[in-house]
């Protein structure tokens, strides 16, 4: 005995337009956290080096993430980062990689458009 089974998809519900469904709001601190984590993912970076008794601190500690400030206007974000580039990594190459990676990750994860990423290198720890 053979029988054909036909399946019909369930009726699609009308979800309406996106405006009718609601909005998603991303908090400013989330954008800052995403940018800081993305900058820390780039090889050759660390947070601004702490100094104790005028000696550089341990730059590989997780509590020394890059510092980030964000200016948000609608769906556009401008970011300012302060970080260290670990010597002997090339500063220009590392900062370009940071700019690209941070802009990409913030855009993908938050849905915001990153207008600019300014990077300030505050130290070159060994």
C-alpha atoms as a PDB file:
ATOM      1  CA  UNK A   1       0.000   0.000   0.000  1.00  0.00           C
ATOM      2  CA  UNK A   2       1.447   3.264  -1.060  1.00  0.00           C
ATOM      3  CA  UNK A   3      -0.012   6.566  -0.352  1.00  0.00           C
ATOM      4  CA  UNK A   4       0.969  10.080  -1.194  1.00  0.00           C
ATOM      5  CA  UNK A   5       1.265  12.456   1.656  1.00  0.00           C
ATOM      6  CA  UNK A   6       0.764  16.084   0.893  1.00  0.00           C
ATOM      7  CA  UNK A   7       1.694  18.741   3.346  1.00  0.00           C
ATOM      8  CA  UNK A   8       0.446  22.238   3.213  1.00  0.00           C
ATOM      9  CA  UNK A   9       2.403  24.968   4.940  1.00  0.00           C
ATOM     10  CA  UNK A  10       0.669  26.696   7.810  1.00  0.00           C
ATOM     11  CA  UNK A  11      -1.009  29.940   6.920  1.00  0.00           C
ATOM     12  CA  UNK A  12       1.417  32.816   7.107  1.00  0.00           C
ATOM     13  CA  UNK A  13       0.442  35.363   9.675  1.00  0.00           C
ATOM     14  CA  UNK A  14       0.388  38.940   8.581  1.00  0.00           C
ATOM     15  CA  UNK A  15       3.066  40.616  10.687  1.00  0.00           C
ATOM     16  CA  UNK A  16       2.466  43.989   9.140  1.00  0.00           C
ATOM     17  CA  UNK A  17       5.124  46.496   8.303  1.00  0.00           C
ATOM     18  CA  UNK A  18       8.218  46.927  10.430  1.00  0.00           C
ATOM     19  CA  UNK A  19       6.889  50.162  11.904  1.00  0.00           C
ATOM     20  CA  UNK A  20       3.801  48.375  13.160  1.00  0.00           C
ATOM     21  CA  UNK A  21       5.856  45.633  14.818  1.00  0.00           C
ATOM     22  CA  UNK A  22       7.978  47.941  16.963  1.00  0.00           C
ATOM     23  CA  UNK A  23      11.567  49.084  17.210  1.00  0.00           C
ATOM     24  CA  UNK A  24      14.790  47.796  18.655  1.00  0.00           C
ATOM     25  CA  UNK A  25      16.811  50.228  20.708  1.00  0.00           C
ATOM     26  CA  UNK A  26      20.494  49.621  21.398  1.00  0.00           C
ATOM     27  CA  UNK A  27      21.787  51.384  24.510  1.00  0.00           C
ATOM     28  CA  UNK A  28      24.821  53.640  24.169  1.00  0.00           C
ATOM     29  CA  UNK A  29      26.783  51.528  26.649  1.00  0.00           C
ATOM     30  CA  UNK A  30      26.218  48.456  24.470  1.00  0.00           C
ATOM     31  CA  UNK A  31      27.760  50.231  21.481  1.00  0.00           C
ATOM     32  CA  UNK A  32      30.740  51.248  23.635  1.00  0.00           C
ATOM     33  CA  UNK A  33      31.146  47.682  24.949  1.00  0.00           C
ATOM     34  CA  UNK A  34      30.957  46.152  21.466  1.00  0.00           C
ATOM     35  CA  UNK A  35      33.553  48.622  20.171  1.00  0.00           C
ATOM     36  CA  UNK A  36      35.912  47.974  23.110  1.00  0.00           C
ATOM     37  CA  UNK A  37      35.688  44.214  22.691  1.00  0.00           C
ATOM     38  CA  UNK A  38      36.185  44.459  18.923  1.00  0.00           C
ATOM     39  CA  UNK A  39      39.293  46.633  19.382  1.00  0.00           C
ATOM     40  CA  UNK A  40      40.697  44.150  21.914  1.00  0.00           C
ATOM     41  CA  UNK A  41      40.223  41.313  19.394  1.00  0.00           C
ATOM     42  CA  UNK A  42      42.803  42.826  17.043  1.00  0.00           C
ATOM     43  CA  UNK A  43      46.237  41.258  17.563  1.00  0.00           C
ATOM     44  CA  UNK A  44      48.861  43.682  18.844  1.00  0.00           C
ATOM     45  CA  UNK A  45      46.534  45.883  20.899  1.00  0.00           C
ATOM     46  CA  UNK A  46      45.837  46.355  24.576  1.00  0.00           C
ATOM     47  CA  UNK A  47      44.247  48.973  26.749  1.00  0.00           C
ATOM     48  CA  UNK A  48      46.039  52.145  27.730  1.00  0.00           C
ATOM     49  CA  UNK A  49      48.995  51.022  29.829  1.00  0.00           C
ATOM     50  CA  UNK A  50      48.658  51.730  33.503  1.00  0.00           C
ATOM     51  CA  UNK A  51      51.645  53.042  35.347  1.00  0.00           C
ATOM     52  CA  UNK A  52      52.548  52.184  38.897  1.00  0.00           C
ATOM     53  CA  UNK A  53      55.487  54.093  40.354  1.00  0.00           C
ATOM     54  CA  UNK A  54      56.288  55.275  36.819  1.00  0.00           C
ATOM     55  CA  UNK A  55      56.694  51.700  35.587  1.00  0.00           C
ATOM     56  CA  UNK A  56      54.367  50.312  32.899  1.00  0.00           C
ATOM     57  CA  UNK A  57      51.780  47.842  34.129  1.00  0.00           C
ATOM     58  CA  UNK A  58      50.914  44.472  32.656  1.00  0.00           C
ATOM     59  CA  UNK A  59      49.307  45.298  29.291  1.00  0.00           C
ATOM     60  CA  UNK A  60      47.795  41.846  28.797  1.00  0.00           C
ATOM     61  CA  UNK A  61      45.402  42.019  31.736  1.00  0.00           C
ATOM     62  CA  UNK A  62      41.730  41.787  30.717  1.00  0.00           C
ATOM     63  CA  UNK A  63      40.776  44.762  32.896  1.00  0.00           C
ATOM     64  CA  UNK A  64      42.825  46.975  30.596  1.00  0.00           C
ATOM     65  CA  UNK A  65      40.539  46.962  27.589  1.00  0.00           C
ATOM     66  CA  UNK A  66      40.756  49.806  25.088  1.00  0.00           C
ATOM     67  CA  UNK A  67      38.858  52.895  26.241  1.00  0.00           C
ATOM     68  CA  UNK A  68      35.989  53.946  23.993  1.00  0.00           C
ATOM     69  CA  UNK A  69      33.801  57.046  23.741  1.00  0.00           C
ATOM     70  CA  UNK A  70      30.846  57.145  21.368  1.00  0.00           C
ATOM     71  CA  UNK A  71      28.816  59.971  19.909  1.00  0.00           C
ATOM     72  CA  UNK A  72      25.520  58.690  18.567  1.00  0.00           C
ATOM     73  CA  UNK A  73      23.221  60.655  16.271  1.00  0.00           C
ATOM     74  CA  UNK A  74      20.284  58.580  15.082  1.00  0.00           C
ATOM     75  CA  UNK A  75      21.699  55.550  13.294  1.00  0.00           C
ATOM     76  CA  UNK A  76      25.209  56.972  12.910  1.00  0.00           C
ATOM     77  CA  UNK A  77      27.997  56.454  15.430  1.00  0.00           C
ATOM     78  CA  UNK A  78      31.330  58.247  15.787  1.00  0.00           C
ATOM     79  CA  UNK A  79      33.854  56.386  17.960  1.00  0.00           C
ATOM     80  CA  UNK A  80      37.020  57.536  19.740  1.00  0.00           C
ATOM     81  CA  UNK A  81      39.364  54.829  21.027  1.00  0.00           C
ATOM     82  CA  UNK A  82      42.408  55.051  23.300  1.00  0.00           C
ATOM     83  CA  UNK A  83      44.641  52.007  23.254  1.00  0.00           C
ATOM     84  CA  UNK A  84      48.187  50.737  23.279  1.00  0.00           C
ATOM     85  CA  UNK A  85      49.952  49.037  20.389  1.00  0.00           C
ATOM     86  CA  UNK A  86      52.305  46.365  21.648  1.00  0.00           C
ATOM     87  CA  UNK A  87      55.857  46.967  20.425  1.00  0.00           C
ATOM     88  CA  UNK A  88      57.223  46.003  17.808  1.00  0.00           C
ATOM     89  CA  UNK A  89      53.884  45.842  15.911  1.00  0.00           C
ATOM     90  CA  UNK A  90      53.554  48.497  13.185  1.00  0.00           C
ATOM     91  CA  UNK A  91      51.320  51.249  14.572  1.00  0.00           C
ATOM     92  CA  UNK A  92      49.774  52.280  11.258  1.00  0.00           C
ATOM     93  CA  UNK A  93      48.862  48.712  10.264  1.00  0.00           C
ATOM     94  CA  UNK A  94      47.411  47.866  13.682  1.00  0.00           C
ATOM     95  CA  UNK A  95      45.321  51.043  13.897  1.00  0.00           C
ATOM     96  CA  UNK A  96      43.940  50.526  10.379  1.00  0.00           C
ATOM     97  CA  UNK A  97      42.971  46.984  11.301  1.00  0.00           C
ATOM     98  CA  UNK A  98      41.339  48.287  14.494  1.00  0.00           C
ATOM     99  CA  UNK A  99      39.327  50.858  12.513  1.00  0.00           C
ATOM    100  CA  UNK A 100      38.068  48.299  10.020  1.00  0.00           C
ATOM    101  CA  UNK A 101      37.297  45.600  12.592  1.00  0.00           C
ATOM    102  CA  UNK A 102      35.543  47.935  15.039  1.00  0.00           C
ATOM    103  CA  UNK A 103      33.424  49.547  12.308  1.00  0.00           C
ATOM    104  CA  UNK A 104      32.448  46.128  10.950  1.00  0.00           C
ATOM    105  CA  UNK A 105      31.575  44.567  14.331  1.00  0.00           C
ATOM    106  CA  UNK A 106      29.635  47.583  15.612  1.00  0.00           C
ATOM    107  CA  UNK A 107      27.699  47.740  12.348  1.00  0.00           C
ATOM    108  CA  UNK A 108      26.873  44.040  12.281  1.00  0.00           C
ATOM    109  CA  UNK A 109      26.017  43.636  15.964  1.00  0.00           C
ATOM    110  CA  UNK A 110      24.128  46.887  16.598  1.00  0.00           C
ATOM    111  CA  UNK A 111      22.720  47.811  13.198  1.00  0.00           C
ATOM    112  CA  UNK A 112      24.246  51.287  13.455  1.00  0.00           C
ATOM    113  CA  UNK A 113      26.357  52.906  10.728  1.00  0.00           C
ATOM    114  CA  UNK A 114      29.838  53.823  11.919  1.00  0.00           C
ATOM    115  CA  UNK A 115      30.776  57.203  10.484  1.00  0.00           C
ATOM    116  CA  UNK A 116      34.263  57.483  11.953  1.00  0.00           C
ATOM    117  CA  UNK A 117      36.664  55.633  14.213  1.00  0.00           C
ATOM    118  CA  UNK A 118      39.403  57.839  15.670  1.00  0.00           C
ATOM    119  CA  UNK A 119      42.237  55.900  17.306  1.00  0.00           C
ATOM    120  CA  UNK A 120      44.683  57.462  19.756  1.00  0.00           C
ATOM    121  CA  UNK A 121      47.726  55.339  20.552  1.00  0.00           C
ATOM    122  CA  UNK A 122      48.774  56.247  24.081  1.00  0.00           C
ATOM    123  CA  UNK A 123      51.736  53.903  24.519  1.00  0.00           C
ATOM    124  CA  UNK A 124      53.950  51.264  22.927  1.00  0.00           C
ATOM    125  CA  UNK A 125      54.508  48.706  25.691  1.00  0.00           C
ATOM    126  CA  UNK A 126      56.911  45.805  25.210  1.00  0.00           C
END
